[in-house]
Every structure is written in structure tokens, then in C-alpha cells.
Amino acid sequence: MPLLDLYGDLERTRAQARASLAAGPIPLTPAEWARGRYLLTCFMDDLIDVPSTNRYEQLSLADHTLREAAHLLTAHHRAWTGIGKWLPRRLLSADPVHGQALLDGHQRVAEHADTAPLTVAAERVLDLVGGPLREGYTQR
């Protein structure tokens, strides 16, 4: 609680902060989009290939798939992302339909070792941002 703001500096700073938050994060660069698409494609392909009996790998890949898909989906909507409890909150806020599909798919992997719903949801996110990226990607 400010006690004194003689010259209005505090209020100007608050207004700038509110405007910055409302504008959303800066857009990803083309290289960041390509890297995200490549990573999500790799995680998704590995998730499809891992046997359901290998729960350690399956759960690890499901987590990486969810995080990368959430990163791309929130970036697609110029929305803020988050970590921990804020990842699902921001994801649902940015895109209730695709976000819910990702979260439901992740839960399905965790509870039933069923990767199909998460991979379908991840593919839909990839479709929004330019499609899967496998061959020809190089990181510079």
C-alpha cells in the first residue's frame, strides 16, 4: 500500500505494468516456433512409440508433451503461460477447448496409460501452429 506518490511515479509505473500484462507476451520468433514444433513432434512421436508397460518413460513424455503443447498454444493466442498450478489455469484461459483436451489427455495417460487422447490433442495444437516438424529441422 503506497503511502505517498507526490509526483505520480507509482501510478505511471502501475499503468505501464497493467498495459504490458494486458498486451500479452512478445510473439515467438520463427526460430522459436520451429524449435517448439520440432520438440512437440518428437515428444509426441516418442509417446506414441513407448510401450504402456514402461510407465516411467510414458509419464515423462506425457509431461513434456503437455508442457510444450501448452507453450505453443498459449503463444499462438498471445497469452501468458505458467508453471505448476498456473500451467492448467493459463492454458484453459487461453484456449478452453484445446487446453481442456490437452489436460484430459495428460490425465488419461497418468490414470490409464492411454496415450491416444494426448497425442490427438497435441496434433491439433501442431495443426494450429504449422504442423509437425520432423525432417529438415536444424537448430542454429
C-alpha atoms as a PDB file:
ATOM      1  CA  MET A   1       0.000   0.000   0.000  1.00  0.00           C
ATOM      2  CA  PRO A   2       1.688   3.206  -1.088  1.00  0.00           C
ATOM      3  CA  LEU A   3       1.828   5.941   1.491  1.00  0.00           C
ATOM      4  CA  LEU A   4       2.960   8.753  -0.751  1.00  0.00           C
ATOM      5  CA  ASP A   5       3.230   9.331  -4.511  1.00  0.00           C
ATOM      6  CA  LEU A   6       3.956  13.033  -4.789  1.00  0.00           C
ATOM      7  CA  TYR A   7       4.879  13.073  -8.469  1.00  0.00           C
ATOM      8  CA  GLY A   8       2.670  10.261  -9.795  1.00  0.00           C
ATOM      9  CA  ASP A   9       5.599   7.918 -10.489  1.00  0.00           C
ATOM     10  CA  LEU A  10       3.959   4.997  -8.790  1.00  0.00           C
ATOM     11  CA  GLU A  11       0.699   5.399 -10.677  1.00  0.00           C
ATOM     12  CA  ARG A  12       2.539   5.736 -14.019  1.00  0.00           C
ATOM     13  CA  THR A  13       4.502   2.571 -13.268  1.00  0.00           C
ATOM     14  CA  ARG A  14       1.324   0.713 -12.356  1.00  0.00           C
ATOM     15  CA  ALA A  15      -0.349   1.847 -15.580  1.00  0.00           C
ATOM     16  CA  GLN A  16       2.654   0.701 -17.625  1.00  0.00           C
ATOM     17  CA  ALA A  17       2.653  -2.673 -15.881  1.00  0.00           C
ATOM     18  CA  ARG A  18      -1.087  -3.139 -16.462  1.00  0.00           C
ATOM     19  CA  ALA A  19      -0.689  -2.252 -20.148  1.00  0.00           C
ATOM     20  CA  SER A  20       2.228  -4.653 -20.530  1.00  0.00           C
ATOM     21  CA  LEU A  21       0.315  -7.506 -18.912  1.00  0.00           C
ATOM     22  CA  ALA A  22      -2.781  -6.800 -20.993  1.00  0.00           C
ATOM     23  CA  ALA A  23      -0.745  -6.804 -24.224  1.00  0.00           C
ATOM     24  CA  GLY A  24       0.471 -10.342 -23.578  1.00  0.00           C
ATOM     25  CA  PRO A  25       3.901 -11.798 -24.145  1.00  0.00           C
ATOM     26  CA  ILE A  26       6.019 -10.867 -27.133  1.00  0.00           C
ATOM     27  CA  PRO A  27       5.434 -13.159 -30.128  1.00  0.00           C
ATOM     28  CA  LEU A  28       7.749 -16.090 -30.673  1.00  0.00           C
ATOM     29  CA  THR A  29      10.416 -15.708 -33.330  1.00  0.00           C
ATOM     30  CA  PRO A  30      10.333 -18.006 -36.370  1.00  0.00           C
ATOM     31  CA  ALA A  31      13.216 -19.979 -34.837  1.00  0.00           C
ATOM     32  CA  GLU A  32      11.289 -20.379 -31.566  1.00  0.00           C
ATOM     33  CA  TRP A  33       8.198 -21.576 -33.422  1.00  0.00           C
ATOM     34  CA  ALA A  34      10.264 -24.110 -35.367  1.00  0.00           C
ATOM     35  CA  ARG A  35      12.009 -25.362 -32.229  1.00  0.00           C
ATOM     36  CA  GLY A  36       8.691 -25.721 -30.406  1.00  0.00           C
ATOM     37  CA  ARG A  37       7.078 -27.574 -33.294  1.00  0.00           C
ATOM     38  CA  TYR A  38      10.098 -29.875 -33.565  1.00  0.00           C
ATOM     39  CA  LEU A  39      10.174 -30.605 -29.824  1.00  0.00           C
ATOM     40  CA  LEU A  40       6.435 -31.260 -29.617  1.00  0.00           C
ATOM     41  CA  THR A  41       6.618 -33.545 -32.655  1.00  0.00           C
ATOM     42  CA  CYS A  42       9.492 -35.508 -31.083  1.00  0.00           C
ATOM     43  CA  PHE A  43       7.780 -35.838 -27.715  1.00  0.00           C
ATOM     44  CA  MET A  44       4.521 -36.849 -29.358  1.00  0.00           C
ATOM     45  CA  ASP A  45       6.192 -39.443 -31.633  1.00  0.00           C
ATOM     46  CA  ASP A  46       8.100 -40.915 -28.680  1.00  0.00           C
ATOM     47  CA  LEU A  47       4.921 -41.009 -26.596  1.00  0.00           C
ATOM     48  CA  ILE A  48       3.171 -42.982 -29.329  1.00  0.00           C
ATOM     49  CA  ASP A  49       6.075 -45.445 -29.526  1.00  0.00           C
ATOM     50  CA  VAL A  50       6.707 -46.090 -25.826  1.00  0.00           C
ATOM     51  CA  PRO A  51       5.054 -49.267 -24.542  1.00  0.00           C
ATOM     52  CA  SER A  52       2.359 -48.745 -21.913  1.00  0.00           C
ATOM     53  CA  THR A  53       4.298 -51.073 -19.612  1.00  0.00           C
ATOM     54  CA  ASN A  54       7.124 -48.529 -19.411  1.00  0.00           C
ATOM     55  CA  ARG A  55       5.341 -46.089 -17.143  1.00  0.00           C
ATOM     56  CA  TYR A  56       8.424 -44.025 -16.246  1.00  0.00           C
ATOM     57  CA  GLU A  57       9.096 -43.092 -19.856  1.00  0.00           C
ATOM     58  CA  GLN A  58       5.417 -42.744 -20.660  1.00  0.00           C
ATOM     59  CA  LEU A  59       4.772 -40.330 -17.802  1.00  0.00           C
ATOM     60  CA  SER A  60       7.906 -38.324 -18.518  1.00  0.00           C
ATOM     61  CA  LEU A  61       6.961 -37.980 -22.181  1.00  0.00           C
ATOM     62  CA  ALA A  62       3.378 -37.064 -21.296  1.00  0.00           C
ATOM     63  CA  ASP A  63       4.667 -34.247 -19.079  1.00  0.00           C
ATOM     64  CA  HIS A  64       6.993 -32.924 -21.783  1.00  0.00           C
ATOM     65  CA  THR A  65       4.252 -33.185 -24.397  1.00  0.00           C
ATOM     66  CA  LEU A  66       1.810 -31.254 -22.236  1.00  0.00           C
ATOM     67  CA  ARG A  67       4.329 -28.517 -21.397  1.00  0.00           C
ATOM     68  CA  GLU A  68       5.477 -27.972 -24.978  1.00  0.00           C
ATOM     69  CA  ALA A  69       1.930 -28.079 -26.351  1.00  0.00           C
ATOM     70  CA  ALA A  70       0.847 -25.582 -23.679  1.00  0.00           C
ATOM     71  CA  HIS A  71       3.764 -23.314 -24.570  1.00  0.00           C
ATOM     72  CA  LEU A  72       2.846 -23.331 -28.269  1.00  0.00           C
ATOM     73  CA  LEU A  73      -0.884 -22.989 -27.663  1.00  0.00           C
ATOM     74  CA  THR A  74      -0.560 -20.018 -25.325  1.00  0.00           C
ATOM     75  CA  ALA A  75       1.950 -18.410 -27.698  1.00  0.00           C
ATOM     76  CA  HIS A  76      -0.485 -18.961 -30.576  1.00  0.00           C
ATOM     77  CA  HIS A  77      -3.082 -16.949 -28.652  1.00  0.00           C
ATOM     78  CA  ARG A  78      -0.531 -14.357 -27.424  1.00  0.00           C
ATOM     79  CA  ALA A  79      -1.496 -15.393 -23.899  1.00  0.00           C
ATOM     80  CA  TRP A  80       0.678 -15.749 -20.841  1.00  0.00           C
ATOM     81  CA  THR A  81       1.749 -19.247 -19.851  1.00  0.00           C
ATOM     82  CA  GLY A  82       2.630 -20.604 -16.455  1.00  0.00           C
ATOM     83  CA  ILE A  83       4.233 -23.381 -14.480  1.00  0.00           C
ATOM     84  CA  GLY A  84       2.935 -25.548 -11.673  1.00  0.00           C
ATOM     85  CA  LYS A  85      -0.698 -24.844 -10.869  1.00  0.00           C
ATOM     86  CA  TRP A  86      -0.640 -21.900 -13.266  1.00  0.00           C
ATOM     87  CA  LEU A  87       0.006 -24.025 -16.356  1.00  0.00           C
ATOM     88  CA  PRO A  88      -3.515 -25.522 -16.472  1.00  0.00           C
ATOM     89  CA  ARG A  89      -5.083 -22.238 -15.403  1.00  0.00           C
ATOM     90  CA  ARG A  90      -3.350 -20.241 -18.142  1.00  0.00           C
ATOM     91  CA  LEU A  91      -3.898 -22.993 -20.690  1.00  0.00           C
ATOM     92  CA  LEU A  92      -7.648 -23.107 -20.072  1.00  0.00           C
ATOM     93  CA  SER A  93      -7.837 -19.332 -20.078  1.00  0.00           C
ATOM     94  CA  ALA A  94      -6.023 -19.077 -23.420  1.00  0.00           C
ATOM     95  CA  ASP A  95      -7.969 -21.813 -25.202  1.00  0.00           C
ATOM     96  CA  PRO A  96     -10.680 -23.666 -23.266  1.00  0.00           C
ATOM     97  CA  VAL A  97     -11.284 -26.307 -25.951  1.00  0.00           C
ATOM     98  CA  HIS A  98      -7.736 -27.279 -26.915  1.00  0.00           C
ATOM     99  CA  GLY A  99      -6.453 -26.678 -23.392  1.00  0.00           C
ATOM    100  CA  GLN A 100      -9.057 -28.991 -21.887  1.00  0.00           C
ATOM    101  CA  ALA A 101      -8.240 -31.672 -24.471  1.00  0.00           C
ATOM    102  CA  LEU A 102      -4.540 -31.496 -23.535  1.00  0.00           C
ATOM    103  CA  LEU A 103      -5.258 -31.671 -19.812  1.00  0.00           C
ATOM    104  CA  ASP A 104      -7.754 -34.512 -20.225  1.00  0.00           C
ATOM    105  CA  GLY A 105      -5.265 -36.377 -22.419  1.00  0.00           C
ATOM    106  CA  HIS A 106      -2.499 -35.926 -19.864  1.00  0.00           C
ATOM    107  CA  GLN A 107      -4.779 -37.207 -17.106  1.00  0.00           C
ATOM    108  CA  ARG A 108      -5.690 -40.216 -19.258  1.00  0.00           C
ATOM    109  CA  VAL A 109      -2.012 -41.139 -19.584  1.00  0.00           C
ATOM    110  CA  ALA A 110      -1.497 -40.771 -15.850  1.00  0.00           C
ATOM    111  CA  GLU A 111      -4.544 -42.779 -14.818  1.00  0.00           C
ATOM    112  CA  HIS A 112      -4.925 -45.363 -17.587  1.00  0.00           C
ATOM    113  CA  ALA A 113      -1.638 -45.485 -19.565  1.00  0.00           C
ATOM    114  CA  ASP A 114      -3.656 -44.434 -22.643  1.00  0.00           C
ATOM    115  CA  THR A 115      -1.624 -42.045 -24.794  1.00  0.00           C
ATOM    116  CA  ALA A 116      -4.100 -41.625 -27.653  1.00  0.00           C
ATOM    117  CA  PRO A 117      -6.106 -38.644 -26.325  1.00  0.00           C
ATOM    118  CA  LEU A 118      -2.965 -36.645 -25.501  1.00  0.00           C
ATOM    119  CA  THR A 119      -1.333 -37.334 -28.848  1.00  0.00           C
ATOM    120  CA  VAL A 120      -4.524 -36.342 -30.695  1.00  0.00           C
ATOM    121  CA  ALA A 121      -4.725 -33.118 -28.662  1.00  0.00           C
ATOM    122  CA  ALA A 122      -1.038 -32.389 -29.335  1.00  0.00           C
ATOM    123  CA  GLU A 123      -1.554 -32.986 -33.067  1.00  0.00           C
ATOM    124  CA  ARG A 124      -4.387 -30.454 -33.055  1.00  0.00           C
ATOM    125  CA  VAL A 125      -2.105 -27.885 -31.447  1.00  0.00           C
ATOM    126  CA  LEU A 126       0.535 -28.607 -34.079  1.00  0.00           C
ATOM    127  CA  ASP A 127      -2.091 -28.109 -36.793  1.00  0.00           C
ATOM    128  CA  LEU A 128      -2.764 -24.621 -35.388  1.00  0.00           C
ATOM    129  CA  VAL A 129       0.901 -23.610 -35.493  1.00  0.00           C
ATOM    130  CA  GLY A 130       2.128 -25.008 -38.794  1.00  0.00           C
ATOM    131  CA  GLY A 131       2.011 -28.775 -38.381  1.00  0.00           C
ATOM    132  CA  PRO A 132       4.527 -31.355 -37.210  1.00  0.00           C
ATOM    133  CA  LEU A 133       8.194 -30.706 -37.905  1.00  0.00           C
ATOM    134  CA  ARG A 134      10.480 -33.689 -38.303  1.00  0.00           C
ATOM    135  CA  GLU A 135      12.828 -33.749 -41.256  1.00  0.00           C
ATOM    136  CA  GLY A 136      14.952 -30.788 -42.147  1.00  0.00           C
ATOM    137  CA  TYR A 137      14.936 -29.063 -38.769  1.00  0.00           C
ATOM    138  CA  THR A 138      18.283 -27.739 -37.617  1.00  0.00           C
ATOM    139  CA  GLN A 139      18.956 -25.679 -34.559  1.00  0.00           C
ATOM    140  CA  ARG A 140      21.237 -22.732 -35.202  1.00  0.00           C
END
